[in-house]
Amino acid sequence: MTAGSELRSTNIIVTALGGEGGGVLANWLIEVANANDWTVQSTSLAGVAQRTGATIYYLEIFPRADIKDSPPIMSLSPTQGDIDIAISSEIAEAGRMLQRGFVTPDRTTVISSSHRVYAIDEKTEIADGTMQAETILDIANRYSKHFVHYDMQDIAQRNNSVISSVLFGALAGSGALPFGRESYEEVIRQTGKAVATNLAAFDDSYEIAQNTTNPVAHYQPVTGDAESQTRGFSLPEATTIQGQKLLARLAADFPSATHEIVYEGVRKALEYQDFDYAAYYLDQVASIVAVDTVDEKFELSNTTARYLALWMCFEDIPRVAQLKIRHQRMQEIRQEVKAQDQQIIYVTEYFRPRPEEICAILPAPLGRAIIGSSLGRRALGLVSGAKKLKTNTLAIYFALRFLAMLRRFRRSSLGYQHEHSMINNWLAAIRLSASSDRTLAVEIAECGRIVKGYGSTRERTSEQNIAIVSAYNDHPQLLAEDIKTLRNAALADDSNTAFNQKISALTTA
């Protein structure tokens, strides 16, 4: 509060996502300051709510006992280098406060939950647009005076509360403000809303903040095979006869450096389709391992295994239906909205199937005939398009369950044949290039990351992968760096502009 003989306010900035109680937390801060005879000025800088952006709350507080002749002049907005306490409900928001200059090592206490809620711009990025939480933790630790962080969302969920009460407890426990614990708790009691759960979350967070003397050590990035060695991955025990067969083959026929990624791929293929599909996945990966014996880390095998599992589990209509009605998802929704055990919740699902997706689940000859017919397309137009379906109704639930059951016939469908034709061409290019240029093979394997999404996005990204594989087959003079350039161009935008320019330049040179 003082710098030498100069009196100044204590400045607090709070950032919270929509629905997390940021406004409630700001009001609690105002109430606890008033209860301790401090004057308060607060401003909220509205953002986009409901997890597409953060709202910033800014408070300046000043002890009334230090006011002499006239009240202090307080600012309406935060200023770089002038923040005493920075509170964020999610670690990426703490990173944004660091980026904006609100955190300084000689002054600022940072209080943040260490969990991640991915922003819309992270999710819509064509490549990997996610912020790395570990890096933000390291930077916050180095550039703040005091850094208090832990998974506060987990504490909120355990106590069936919201994260605002956990942040309030972390602030109280940090000692950043000269207020007693009782005054914080009394503010929660006076609200009269969810008092028991909010106090429980507050108490848990307070104790952790009090006992956390060294919240974070210096972050040392660990990647690749070293990460697996650090975690000490080992194959688990099988719980079924089919699982025993798959794990026995994985242990016997695959190098240990590939076990973790291939195991996860087997799990995904098994859940997506069946035992035979998981075995087929192992067959395909084994064909890559056979040409990847010169590398102890088996980079080519791991890269191929990762993207092959994702590609083989493409999202057709049966897969989407399967995901929509699975029990785990419904439990997660109930937990997120904090529904009581006997409380009924209503879930509205949004679908927009195109004629291509409908034909993809039909037997291949029938699907080709319909999609190639103008009459067939017009007929499909009657049932395609945007739809809102409530999965809590029996009719819709059983309709989705029926669609999910169609996965039994997936191997004969047009979509399956189309996807696996592309997969086989991609794998053939990897095997062919591995015999002469292993670096080139890895770059072609990395092209598996291009294929993603659903509907028109899936169609566009698949065509990009086909174009790269075809360019390699037709122009054997292409180098690993050329394939990498094409892949980066494919991930640069969703209009194909950069990709078309690059592939045209490389294939006509």
Protein backbone atom coordinates (compact mmCIF):
# COMPACT_ATOMS: atom_id res chain seq x y z
CA MET A 1 0.00 0.00 0.00
CA THR A 2 2.90 2.35 0.56
CA ALA A 3 6.06 3.05 -1.40
CA GLY A 4 8.33 5.04 0.90
CA SER A 5 6.21 7.92 2.19
CA GLU A 6 3.81 7.78 -0.76
CA LEU A 7 0.32 6.45 -0.18
CA ARG A 8 -1.27 4.55 -3.04
CA SER A 9 -4.14 2.19 -3.66
CA THR A 10 -3.93 -1.58 -3.89
CA ASN A 11 -4.88 -2.50 -7.45
CA ILE A 12 -6.54 -5.80 -8.31
CA ILE A 13 -7.38 -7.24 -11.72
CA VAL A 14 -9.62 -10.29 -12.17
CA THR A 15 -10.16 -12.17 -15.42
CA ALA A 16 -12.78 -14.90 -15.66
CA LEU A 17 -14.55 -16.75 -18.42
CA GLY A 18 -18.28 -16.54 -18.92
CA GLY A 19 -20.25 -18.59 -16.41
CA GLU A 20 -17.43 -18.88 -13.89
CA GLY A 21 -18.66 -16.27 -11.43
CA GLY A 22 -16.17 -13.50 -12.15
CA GLY A 23 -18.76 -10.86 -11.29
CA VAL A 24 -19.56 -12.67 -8.04
CA LEU A 25 -15.86 -12.75 -7.13
CA ALA A 26 -15.53 -9.03 -7.85
CA ASN A 27 -18.54 -8.29 -5.64
CA TRP A 28 -17.08 -10.44 -2.87
CA LEU A 29 -13.85 -8.44 -3.08
CA ILE A 30 -15.81 -5.22 -2.79
CA GLU A 31 -17.70 -6.54 0.24
CA VAL A 32 -14.62 -7.81 2.06
CA ALA A 33 -12.85 -4.49 1.48
CA ASN A 34 -15.84 -2.54 2.80
CA ALA A 35 -16.07 -4.86 5.81
CA ASN A 36 -12.46 -4.00 6.66
CA ASP A 37 -13.10 -0.26 6.28
CA TRP A 38 -11.41 0.17 2.90
CA THR A 39 -12.85 2.35 0.17
CA VAL A 40 -13.35 0.67 -3.19
CA GLN A 41 -13.68 1.66 -6.80
CA SER A 42 -14.48 -1.04 -9.36
CA THR A 43 -14.91 -1.32 -13.11
CA SER A 44 -15.86 -4.24 -15.31
CA LEU A 45 -14.58 -4.41 -18.86
CA ALA A 46 -17.04 -6.68 -20.59
CA GLY A 47 -15.80 -9.44 -22.85
CA VAL A 48 -17.62 -12.14 -24.77
CA ALA A 49 -19.21 -14.53 -22.31
CA GLN A 50 -19.68 -18.32 -22.18
CA ARG A 51 -16.14 -19.49 -22.86
CA THR A 52 -15.43 -17.47 -25.98
CA GLY A 53 -13.64 -14.70 -24.10
CA ALA A 54 -12.94 -13.23 -20.69
CA THR A 55 -14.44 -10.36 -18.76
CA ILE A 56 -11.97 -8.19 -16.86
CA TYR A 57 -12.86 -6.76 -13.46
CA TYR A 58 -10.64 -4.03 -12.09
CA LEU A 59 -10.67 -2.83 -8.48
CA GLU A 60 -8.69 -0.22 -6.58
CA ILE A 61 -8.96 -0.31 -2.81
CA PHE A 62 -7.60 2.08 -0.22
CA PRO A 63 -7.81 2.06 3.62
CA ARG A 64 -10.14 4.78 4.85
CA ALA A 65 -7.92 5.29 7.88
CA ASP A 66 -5.16 6.61 5.59
CA ILE A 67 -7.40 9.16 3.90
CA LYS A 68 -6.42 12.58 5.22
CA ASP A 69 -7.79 15.75 3.66
CA SER A 70 -9.48 14.35 0.54
CA PRO A 71 -10.34 10.96 -0.98
CA PRO A 72 -7.69 9.45 -3.25
CA ILE A 73 -8.10 9.72 -7.01
CA MET A 74 -8.50 6.23 -8.43
CA SER A 75 -8.28 4.99 -12.00
CA LEU A 76 -11.12 3.40 -13.94
CA SER A 77 -8.90 1.00 -15.88
CA PRO A 78 -5.77 -1.06 -15.20
CA THR A 79 -2.35 0.28 -16.15
CA GLN A 80 0.76 -1.66 -17.11
CA GLY A 81 3.18 -2.06 -14.23
CA ASP A 82 0.60 -0.84 -11.69
CA ILE A 83 -1.10 -4.07 -10.57
CA ASP A 84 -0.67 -5.54 -7.09
CA ILE A 85 -2.85 -8.64 -7.43
CA ALA A 86 -3.73 -10.44 -10.68
CA ILE A 87 -6.35 -13.19 -10.44
CA SER A 88 -7.31 -15.47 -13.32
CA SER A 89 -9.69 -18.41 -13.49
CA GLU A 90 -7.58 -20.26 -16.07
CA ILE A 91 -3.86 -20.32 -16.80
CA ALA A 92 -4.06 -18.96 -20.36
CA GLU A 93 -5.78 -15.85 -18.97
CA ALA A 94 -2.81 -15.41 -16.65
CA GLY A 95 -0.62 -15.60 -19.74
CA ARG A 96 -2.64 -12.85 -21.40
CA MET A 97 -2.18 -10.63 -18.34
CA LEU A 98 1.55 -11.26 -18.52
CA GLN A 99 1.52 -10.40 -22.20
CA ARG A 100 -0.31 -7.13 -21.56
CA GLY A 101 2.23 -6.04 -18.97
CA PHE A 102 -0.01 -6.26 -15.91
CA VAL A 103 2.45 -8.49 -14.00
CA THR A 104 5.73 -7.15 -12.62
CA PRO A 105 8.30 -9.06 -10.53
CA ASP A 106 8.69 -6.36 -7.88
CA ARG A 107 5.00 -5.89 -7.15
CA THR A 108 2.45 -8.38 -8.49
CA THR A 109 1.01 -11.44 -6.77
CA VAL A 110 -0.47 -13.76 -9.40
CA ILE A 111 -3.25 -16.15 -8.38
CA SER A 112 -4.41 -18.55 -11.07
CA SER A 113 -5.90 -21.94 -11.63
CA SER A 114 -3.50 -24.15 -13.56
CA HIS A 115 -6.17 -25.97 -15.59
CA ARG A 116 -6.93 -25.21 -19.25
CA VAL A 117 -10.14 -24.18 -20.97
CA TYR A 118 -9.39 -23.93 -24.66
CA ALA A 119 -10.47 -20.68 -26.29
CA ILE A 120 -12.40 -20.57 -29.54
CA ASP A 121 -9.37 -19.32 -31.50
CA GLU A 122 -7.34 -22.28 -30.17
CA LYS A 123 -10.00 -24.76 -31.25
CA THR A 124 -10.50 -23.26 -34.70
CA GLU A 125 -6.79 -23.11 -35.55
CA ILE A 126 -6.08 -25.44 -38.46
CA ALA A 127 -2.78 -26.61 -36.98
CA ASP A 128 -1.96 -26.77 -33.26
CA GLY A 129 -3.02 -23.40 -31.88
CA THR A 130 -3.11 -24.34 -28.21
CA MET A 131 -1.21 -22.38 -25.60
CA GLN A 132 1.20 -24.50 -23.57
CA ALA A 133 0.23 -24.32 -19.89
CA GLU A 134 3.66 -25.39 -18.65
CA THR A 135 5.37 -22.54 -20.46
CA ILE A 136 2.94 -20.00 -19.01
CA LEU A 137 3.49 -21.42 -15.52
CA ASP A 138 7.23 -21.00 -15.90
CA ILE A 139 6.97 -17.42 -17.18
CA ALA A 140 4.48 -16.43 -14.48
CA ASN A 141 6.77 -17.86 -11.82
CA ARG A 142 9.74 -15.83 -13.11
CA TYR A 143 7.94 -12.54 -13.74
CA SER A 144 5.71 -12.25 -10.67
CA LYS A 145 6.57 -11.35 -7.11
CA HIS A 146 4.55 -14.26 -5.77
CA PHE A 147 2.75 -16.95 -7.77
CA VAL A 148 -0.02 -19.11 -6.31
CA HIS A 149 -1.41 -21.75 -8.62
CA TYR A 150 -2.98 -25.20 -8.56
CA ASP A 151 -5.93 -26.91 -10.25
CA MET A 152 -8.72 -24.82 -8.78
CA GLN A 153 -11.33 -26.21 -11.17
CA ASP A 154 -10.78 -29.64 -9.63
CA ILE A 155 -11.42 -28.21 -6.16
CA ALA A 156 -14.60 -26.54 -7.41
CA GLN A 157 -15.87 -29.79 -8.93
CA ARG A 158 -15.08 -31.80 -5.80
CA ASN A 159 -17.16 -29.41 -3.74
CA ASN A 160 -19.91 -28.98 -6.36
CA SER A 161 -19.14 -25.27 -6.42
CA VAL A 162 -17.91 -22.70 -8.95
CA ILE A 163 -14.33 -21.57 -9.33
CA SER A 164 -14.99 -18.06 -7.96
CA SER A 165 -15.17 -19.40 -4.38
CA VAL A 166 -11.89 -21.30 -4.91
CA LEU A 167 -10.16 -18.16 -6.22
CA PHE A 168 -11.53 -16.25 -3.22
CA GLY A 169 -10.00 -18.84 -0.90
CA ALA A 170 -6.68 -18.71 -2.76
CA LEU A 171 -6.58 -14.92 -2.38
CA ALA A 172 -7.32 -15.14 1.33
CA GLY A 173 -4.74 -17.89 1.84
CA SER A 174 -2.05 -16.06 -0.12
CA GLY A 175 -1.93 -13.20 2.39
CA ALA A 176 -1.83 -10.66 -0.43
CA LEU A 177 -4.45 -8.54 1.38
CA PRO A 178 -4.28 -7.66 5.11
CA PHE A 179 -7.73 -9.10 5.87
CA GLY A 180 -8.57 -11.92 8.26
CA ARG A 181 -9.99 -15.21 7.07
CA GLU A 182 -13.21 -14.62 8.99
CA SER A 183 -14.07 -11.51 6.99
CA TYR A 184 -13.84 -13.47 3.73
CA GLU A 185 -16.03 -16.26 5.08
CA GLU A 186 -18.57 -13.81 6.41
CA VAL A 187 -18.97 -12.26 2.97
CA ILE A 188 -19.85 -15.70 1.56
CA ARG A 189 -22.37 -16.29 4.36
CA GLN A 190 -24.06 -12.96 3.76
CA THR A 191 -24.85 -13.84 0.16
CA GLY A 192 -27.20 -16.57 1.34
CA LYS A 193 -26.62 -18.57 -1.87
CA ALA A 194 -24.94 -21.99 -1.97
CA VAL A 195 -23.24 -21.06 1.30
CA ALA A 196 -22.23 -24.58 2.32
CA THR A 197 -20.64 -25.53 -1.01
CA ASN A 198 -18.95 -22.16 -1.47
CA LEU A 199 -17.47 -22.26 2.03
CA ALA A 200 -16.25 -25.83 1.52
CA ALA A 201 -14.49 -24.85 -1.70
CA PHE A 202 -13.13 -21.69 -0.04
CA ASP A 203 -11.74 -23.65 2.91
CA ASP A 204 -10.03 -26.27 0.70
CA SER A 205 -8.42 -23.59 -1.44
CA TYR A 206 -7.40 -21.49 1.56
CA GLU A 207 -5.53 -24.40 3.13
CA ILE A 208 -3.70 -25.21 -0.09
CA ALA A 209 -2.68 -21.58 -0.63
CA GLN A 210 -1.49 -21.35 2.98
CA ASN A 211 0.62 -24.49 2.69
CA THR A 212 2.06 -23.79 -0.74
CA THR A 213 5.41 -22.18 -0.07
CA ASN A 214 6.95 -22.99 -3.45
CA PRO A 215 4.06 -23.18 -5.91
CA VAL A 216 6.06 -24.05 -9.03
CA ALA A 217 9.55 -25.18 -9.82
CA HIS A 218 11.37 -23.97 -12.91
CA TYR A 219 9.81 -25.67 -15.91
CA GLN A 220 12.06 -27.87 -18.00
CA PRO A 221 10.36 -29.01 -21.22
CA VAL A 222 10.45 -32.77 -21.78
CA THR A 223 9.32 -34.15 -25.10
CA GLY A 224 9.36 -37.21 -27.27
CA ASP A 225 10.77 -40.50 -26.08
CA ALA A 226 12.34 -38.94 -22.99
CA GLU A 227 8.86 -38.06 -21.82
CA SER A 228 7.73 -41.67 -22.09
CA GLN A 229 10.81 -42.78 -20.17
CA THR A 230 10.09 -40.23 -17.45
CA ARG A 231 6.57 -41.52 -17.03
CA GLY A 232 7.83 -45.09 -17.22
CA PHE A 233 5.03 -46.35 -19.49
CA SER A 234 4.39 -50.06 -19.39
CA LEU A 235 1.63 -52.10 -20.98
CA PRO A 236 -1.28 -52.71 -18.58
CA GLU A 237 -2.81 -56.05 -17.73
CA ALA A 238 -5.52 -57.21 -20.11
CA THR A 239 -9.04 -57.67 -18.72
CA THR A 240 -10.55 -59.67 -21.61
CA ILE A 241 -9.46 -62.58 -23.81
CA GLN A 242 -9.39 -60.32 -26.87
CA GLY A 243 -7.38 -57.76 -24.95
CA GLN A 244 -4.87 -60.45 -24.00
CA LYS A 245 -4.38 -61.35 -27.65
CA LEU A 246 -3.85 -57.74 -28.73
CA LEU A 247 -1.49 -56.90 -25.87
CA ALA A 248 0.48 -60.10 -26.31
CA ARG A 249 1.04 -59.25 -29.96
CA LEU A 250 1.94 -55.66 -29.12
CA ALA A 251 4.49 -56.78 -26.52
CA ALA A 252 6.03 -59.43 -28.75
CA ASP A 253 6.09 -57.79 -32.18
CA PHE A 254 6.61 -54.09 -31.49
CA PRO A 255 9.62 -52.29 -30.00
CA SER A 256 9.11 -50.79 -26.55
CA ALA A 257 9.66 -47.26 -27.90
CA THR A 258 6.37 -47.60 -29.80
CA HIS A 259 4.29 -49.26 -27.09
CA GLU A 260 2.59 -46.20 -25.65
CA ILE A 261 1.34 -44.66 -28.89
CA VAL A 262 0.42 -47.99 -30.49
CA TYR A 263 -1.41 -49.07 -27.32
CA GLU A 264 -3.53 -45.90 -27.38
CA GLY A 265 -4.22 -46.50 -31.07
CA VAL A 266 -5.36 -50.06 -30.35
CA ARG A 267 -7.70 -48.81 -27.64
CA LYS A 268 -9.18 -46.24 -29.96
CA ALA A 269 -9.68 -48.70 -32.84
CA LEU A 270 -11.24 -51.26 -30.50
CA GLU A 271 -13.72 -48.76 -29.08
CA TYR A 272 -14.45 -47.37 -32.54
CA GLN A 273 -15.14 -50.68 -34.27
CA ASP A 274 -14.14 -54.11 -32.96
CA PHE A 275 -11.32 -56.59 -32.27
CA ASP A 276 -10.62 -57.25 -35.94
CA TYR A 277 -10.28 -53.53 -36.62
CA ALA A 278 -7.75 -53.17 -33.80
CA ALA A 279 -5.83 -56.15 -35.18
CA TYR A 280 -5.89 -54.57 -38.64
CA TYR A 281 -4.48 -51.38 -37.12
CA LEU A 282 -1.59 -53.42 -35.69
CA ASP A 283 -1.02 -54.98 -39.12
CA GLN A 284 -0.67 -51.57 -40.73
CA VAL A 285 1.66 -50.21 -38.06
CA ALA A 286 3.76 -53.38 -38.21
CA SER A 287 4.35 -52.77 -41.92
CA ILE A 288 5.92 -49.42 -41.02
CA VAL A 289 7.95 -50.81 -38.11
CA ALA A 290 9.45 -53.31 -40.54
CA VAL A 291 11.08 -50.49 -42.55
CA ASP A 292 11.97 -48.37 -39.49
CA THR A 293 14.67 -50.49 -37.88
CA VAL A 294 17.52 -47.95 -38.11
CA ASP A 295 16.15 -45.61 -35.43
CA GLU A 296 16.14 -46.46 -31.72
CA LYS A 297 13.29 -44.00 -31.09
CA PHE A 298 11.24 -45.31 -34.03
CA GLU A 299 10.09 -41.80 -34.94
CA LEU A 300 8.61 -42.91 -38.25
CA SER A 301 6.61 -45.71 -36.62
CA ASN A 302 5.31 -43.52 -33.81
CA THR A 303 4.33 -40.69 -36.14
CA THR A 304 2.51 -43.04 -38.49
CA ALA A 305 0.82 -44.94 -35.63
CA ARG A 306 -0.50 -41.72 -34.13
CA TYR A 307 -2.08 -40.30 -37.27
CA LEU A 308 -3.19 -43.69 -38.55
CA ALA A 309 -5.28 -44.27 -35.42
CA LEU A 310 -6.94 -40.88 -35.79
CA TRP A 311 -7.58 -41.40 -39.50
CA MET A 312 -8.95 -44.92 -39.15
CA CYS A 313 -11.44 -43.65 -36.56
CA PHE A 314 -12.97 -41.11 -38.92
CA GLU A 315 -16.23 -39.49 -37.82
CA ASP A 316 -19.04 -40.82 -39.98
CA ILE A 317 -22.71 -40.69 -38.93
CA PRO A 318 -22.53 -43.89 -36.82
CA ARG A 319 -19.48 -42.54 -35.00
CA VAL A 320 -21.15 -39.20 -34.26
CA ALA A 321 -24.24 -40.99 -32.96
CA GLN A 322 -22.07 -43.29 -30.85
CA LEU A 323 -20.31 -40.32 -29.25
CA LYS A 324 -23.53 -38.40 -28.65
CA ILE A 325 -25.25 -41.09 -26.60
CA ARG A 326 -22.35 -42.62 -24.68
CA HIS A 327 -22.90 -42.74 -20.94
CA GLN A 328 -19.64 -40.98 -20.08
CA ARG A 329 -20.63 -37.92 -22.12
CA MET A 330 -23.99 -37.63 -20.41
CA GLN A 331 -22.29 -37.87 -17.02
CA GLU A 332 -19.87 -35.11 -18.02
CA ILE A 333 -22.75 -32.87 -19.10
CA ARG A 334 -24.56 -33.46 -15.81
CA GLN A 335 -21.39 -32.65 -13.92
CA GLU A 336 -20.75 -29.48 -15.90
CA VAL A 337 -24.26 -28.10 -15.34
CA LYS A 338 -24.17 -29.36 -11.73
CA ALA A 339 -27.38 -31.36 -12.06
CA GLN A 340 -28.65 -33.18 -8.98
CA ASP A 341 -29.01 -36.98 -9.03
CA GLN A 342 -32.77 -36.94 -9.59
CA GLN A 343 -32.82 -33.81 -11.73
CA ILE A 344 -33.84 -34.11 -15.38
CA ILE A 345 -31.68 -32.31 -17.92
CA TYR A 346 -32.48 -31.58 -21.55
CA VAL A 347 -29.75 -31.79 -24.17
CA THR A 348 -30.23 -30.39 -27.67
CA GLU A 349 -27.85 -31.72 -30.29
CA TYR A 350 -27.07 -29.84 -33.50
CA PHE A 351 -26.62 -31.86 -36.69
CA ARG A 352 -26.03 -30.77 -40.26
CA PRO A 353 -25.57 -33.89 -42.42
CA ARG A 354 -24.81 -33.32 -46.11
CA PRO A 355 -25.91 -35.70 -48.86
CA GLU A 356 -22.29 -36.94 -48.99
CA GLU A 357 -22.38 -37.99 -45.32
CA ILE A 358 -25.69 -39.80 -45.77
CA CYS A 359 -24.44 -41.69 -48.82
CA ALA A 360 -21.19 -42.51 -46.99
CA ILE A 361 -23.01 -44.90 -44.62
CA LEU A 362 -24.78 -46.74 -47.45
CA PRO A 363 -23.38 -49.85 -49.16
CA ALA A 364 -20.73 -48.64 -51.58
CA PRO A 365 -22.56 -49.44 -54.89
CA LEU A 366 -25.81 -47.87 -53.66
CA GLY A 367 -24.02 -44.84 -52.23
CA ARG A 368 -22.17 -44.17 -55.48
CA ALA A 369 -25.37 -44.50 -57.51
CA ILE A 370 -27.32 -42.07 -55.35
CA ILE A 371 -24.61 -39.43 -54.94
CA GLY A 372 -23.95 -39.55 -58.68
CA SER A 373 -27.61 -38.98 -59.53
CA SER A 374 -29.22 -35.56 -59.59
CA LEU A 375 -32.53 -37.15 -58.58
CA GLY A 376 -30.85 -38.93 -55.69
CA ARG A 377 -29.24 -35.70 -54.49
CA ARG A 378 -32.59 -33.89 -54.60
CA ALA A 379 -34.18 -36.68 -52.58
CA LEU A 380 -31.40 -36.53 -49.99
CA GLY A 381 -31.90 -32.78 -49.76
CA LEU A 382 -35.23 -33.49 -48.06
CA VAL A 383 -33.54 -35.17 -45.07
CA SER A 384 -30.18 -33.37 -44.98
CA GLY A 385 -29.41 -29.93 -43.58
CA ALA A 386 -29.48 -28.37 -40.12
CA LYS A 387 -31.39 -30.19 -37.39
CA LYS A 388 -31.89 -29.79 -33.64
CA LEU A 389 -32.51 -33.06 -31.83
CA LYS A 390 -33.15 -33.63 -28.12
CA THR A 391 -31.28 -36.76 -27.09
CA ASN A 392 -33.19 -37.01 -23.80
CA THR A 393 -36.37 -37.96 -25.70
CA LEU A 394 -36.91 -41.67 -26.34
CA ALA A 395 -37.57 -41.33 -30.06
CA ILE A 396 -34.35 -39.38 -30.73
CA TYR A 397 -32.29 -41.51 -28.35
CA PHE A 398 -33.30 -44.76 -30.04
CA ALA A 399 -32.84 -43.21 -33.47
CA LEU A 400 -29.26 -42.30 -32.57
CA ARG A 401 -28.75 -45.71 -31.02
CA PHE A 402 -29.86 -47.31 -34.28
CA LEU A 403 -27.47 -45.11 -36.25
CA ALA A 404 -24.63 -46.03 -33.87
CA MET A 405 -25.39 -49.74 -34.45
CA LEU A 406 -24.78 -49.26 -38.18
CA ARG A 407 -21.06 -49.33 -37.44
CA ARG A 408 -21.35 -53.13 -37.68
CA PHE A 409 -21.82 -52.67 -41.43
CA ARG A 410 -19.23 -49.91 -41.76
CA ARG A 411 -16.71 -52.01 -43.73
CA SER A 412 -19.11 -52.33 -46.66
CA SER A 413 -19.99 -48.62 -46.69
CA LEU A 414 -18.95 -46.09 -49.30
CA GLY A 415 -17.31 -43.87 -46.68
CA TYR A 416 -15.16 -46.70 -45.32
CA GLN A 417 -13.91 -47.69 -48.75
CA HIS A 418 -13.14 -44.08 -49.64
CA GLU A 419 -11.22 -43.39 -46.41
CA HIS A 420 -9.22 -46.60 -46.53
CA SER A 421 -8.31 -46.08 -50.15
CA MET A 422 -6.68 -42.80 -49.13
CA ILE A 423 -5.09 -44.38 -46.05
CA ASN A 424 -3.54 -47.18 -48.11
CA ASN A 425 -2.08 -44.72 -50.62
CA TRP A 426 -0.58 -42.67 -47.78
CA LEU A 427 0.93 -45.74 -46.11
CA ALA A 428 2.31 -46.99 -49.43
CA ALA A 429 4.06 -43.67 -49.96
CA ILE A 430 5.56 -43.86 -46.46
CA ARG A 431 6.87 -47.38 -47.02
CA LEU A 432 8.26 -46.53 -50.46
CA SER A 433 10.08 -43.39 -49.30
CA ALA A 434 11.43 -45.11 -46.17
CA SER A 435 13.51 -47.45 -48.33
CA SER A 436 15.51 -44.56 -49.77
CA ASP A 437 15.07 -41.46 -47.59
CA ARG A 438 13.88 -41.90 -44.02
CA THR A 439 13.59 -38.14 -43.39
CA LEU A 440 11.29 -37.88 -46.39
CA ALA A 441 9.21 -40.77 -45.04
CA VAL A 442 8.75 -38.98 -41.72
CA GLU A 443 7.56 -35.84 -43.51
CA ILE A 444 5.02 -37.85 -45.50
CA ALA A 445 3.86 -39.54 -42.28
CA GLU A 446 3.42 -36.11 -40.70
CA CYS A 447 0.99 -35.29 -43.50
CA GLY A 448 -1.49 -37.47 -41.62
CA ARG A 449 -2.12 -34.52 -39.33
CA ILE A 450 -3.66 -32.59 -42.21
CA VAL A 451 -6.70 -34.89 -42.35
CA LYS A 452 -9.21 -33.75 -39.75
CA GLY A 453 -12.67 -32.45 -39.13
CA TYR A 454 -16.04 -33.39 -40.50
CA GLY A 455 -18.11 -32.62 -43.59
CA SER A 456 -16.61 -30.12 -46.00
CA THR A 457 -13.54 -29.65 -43.77
CA ARG A 458 -12.84 -33.37 -43.93
CA GLU A 459 -13.29 -33.34 -47.69
CA ARG A 460 -10.87 -30.45 -48.16
CA THR A 461 -8.16 -31.81 -45.87
CA SER A 462 -8.41 -35.30 -47.37
CA GLU A 463 -7.96 -33.84 -50.85
CA GLN A 464 -4.86 -32.00 -49.65
CA ASN A 465 -3.35 -35.23 -48.37
CA ILE A 466 -4.18 -36.98 -51.65
CA ALA A 467 -2.55 -34.15 -53.59
CA ILE A 468 0.68 -34.36 -51.56
CA VAL A 469 0.90 -38.15 -51.92
CA SER A 470 0.19 -37.87 -55.65
CA ALA A 471 2.83 -35.14 -56.01
CA TYR A 472 5.40 -37.43 -54.37
CA ASN A 473 4.43 -40.38 -56.57
CA ASP A 474 4.50 -38.30 -59.79
CA HIS A 475 7.58 -36.24 -58.94
CA PRO A 476 10.16 -38.46 -57.20
CA GLN A 477 12.61 -35.57 -57.18
CA LEU A 478 10.66 -33.90 -54.35
CA LEU A 479 12.67 -33.62 -51.14
CA ALA A 480 11.66 -33.86 -47.49
CA GLU A 481 11.72 -30.06 -47.25
CA ASP A 482 9.29 -29.85 -50.19
CA ILE A 483 6.79 -32.15 -48.48
CA LYS A 484 7.11 -30.11 -45.30
CA THR A 485 6.47 -26.91 -47.26
CA LEU A 486 3.31 -28.39 -48.76
CA ARG A 487 2.10 -29.60 -45.38
CA ASN A 488 2.63 -26.20 -43.76
CA ALA A 489 0.82 -24.55 -46.67
CA ALA A 490 -2.13 -26.90 -46.18
CA LEU A 491 -2.28 -25.88 -42.53
CA ALA A 492 -1.89 -22.17 -43.29
CA ASP A 493 -5.52 -21.39 -44.20
CA ASP A 494 -8.83 -23.05 -44.98
CA SER A 495 -9.20 -21.59 -48.47
CA ASN A 496 -6.51 -23.73 -50.15
CA THR A 497 -4.94 -20.54 -51.53
CA ALA A 498 -1.46 -21.02 -50.07
CA PHE A 499 -1.56 -24.77 -50.70
CA ASN A 500 -2.54 -24.45 -54.36
CA GLN A 501 0.22 -21.92 -54.95
CA LYS A 502 2.90 -24.08 -53.31
CA ILE A 503 1.95 -27.35 -54.97
CA SER A 504 1.68 -25.67 -58.36
CA ALA A 505 5.15 -24.13 -57.93
CA LEU A 506 6.74 -27.42 -56.84
CA THR A 507 5.14 -29.70 -59.42
CA THR A 508 5.67 -27.43 -62.44
CA ALA A 509 9.26 -26.45 -61.68
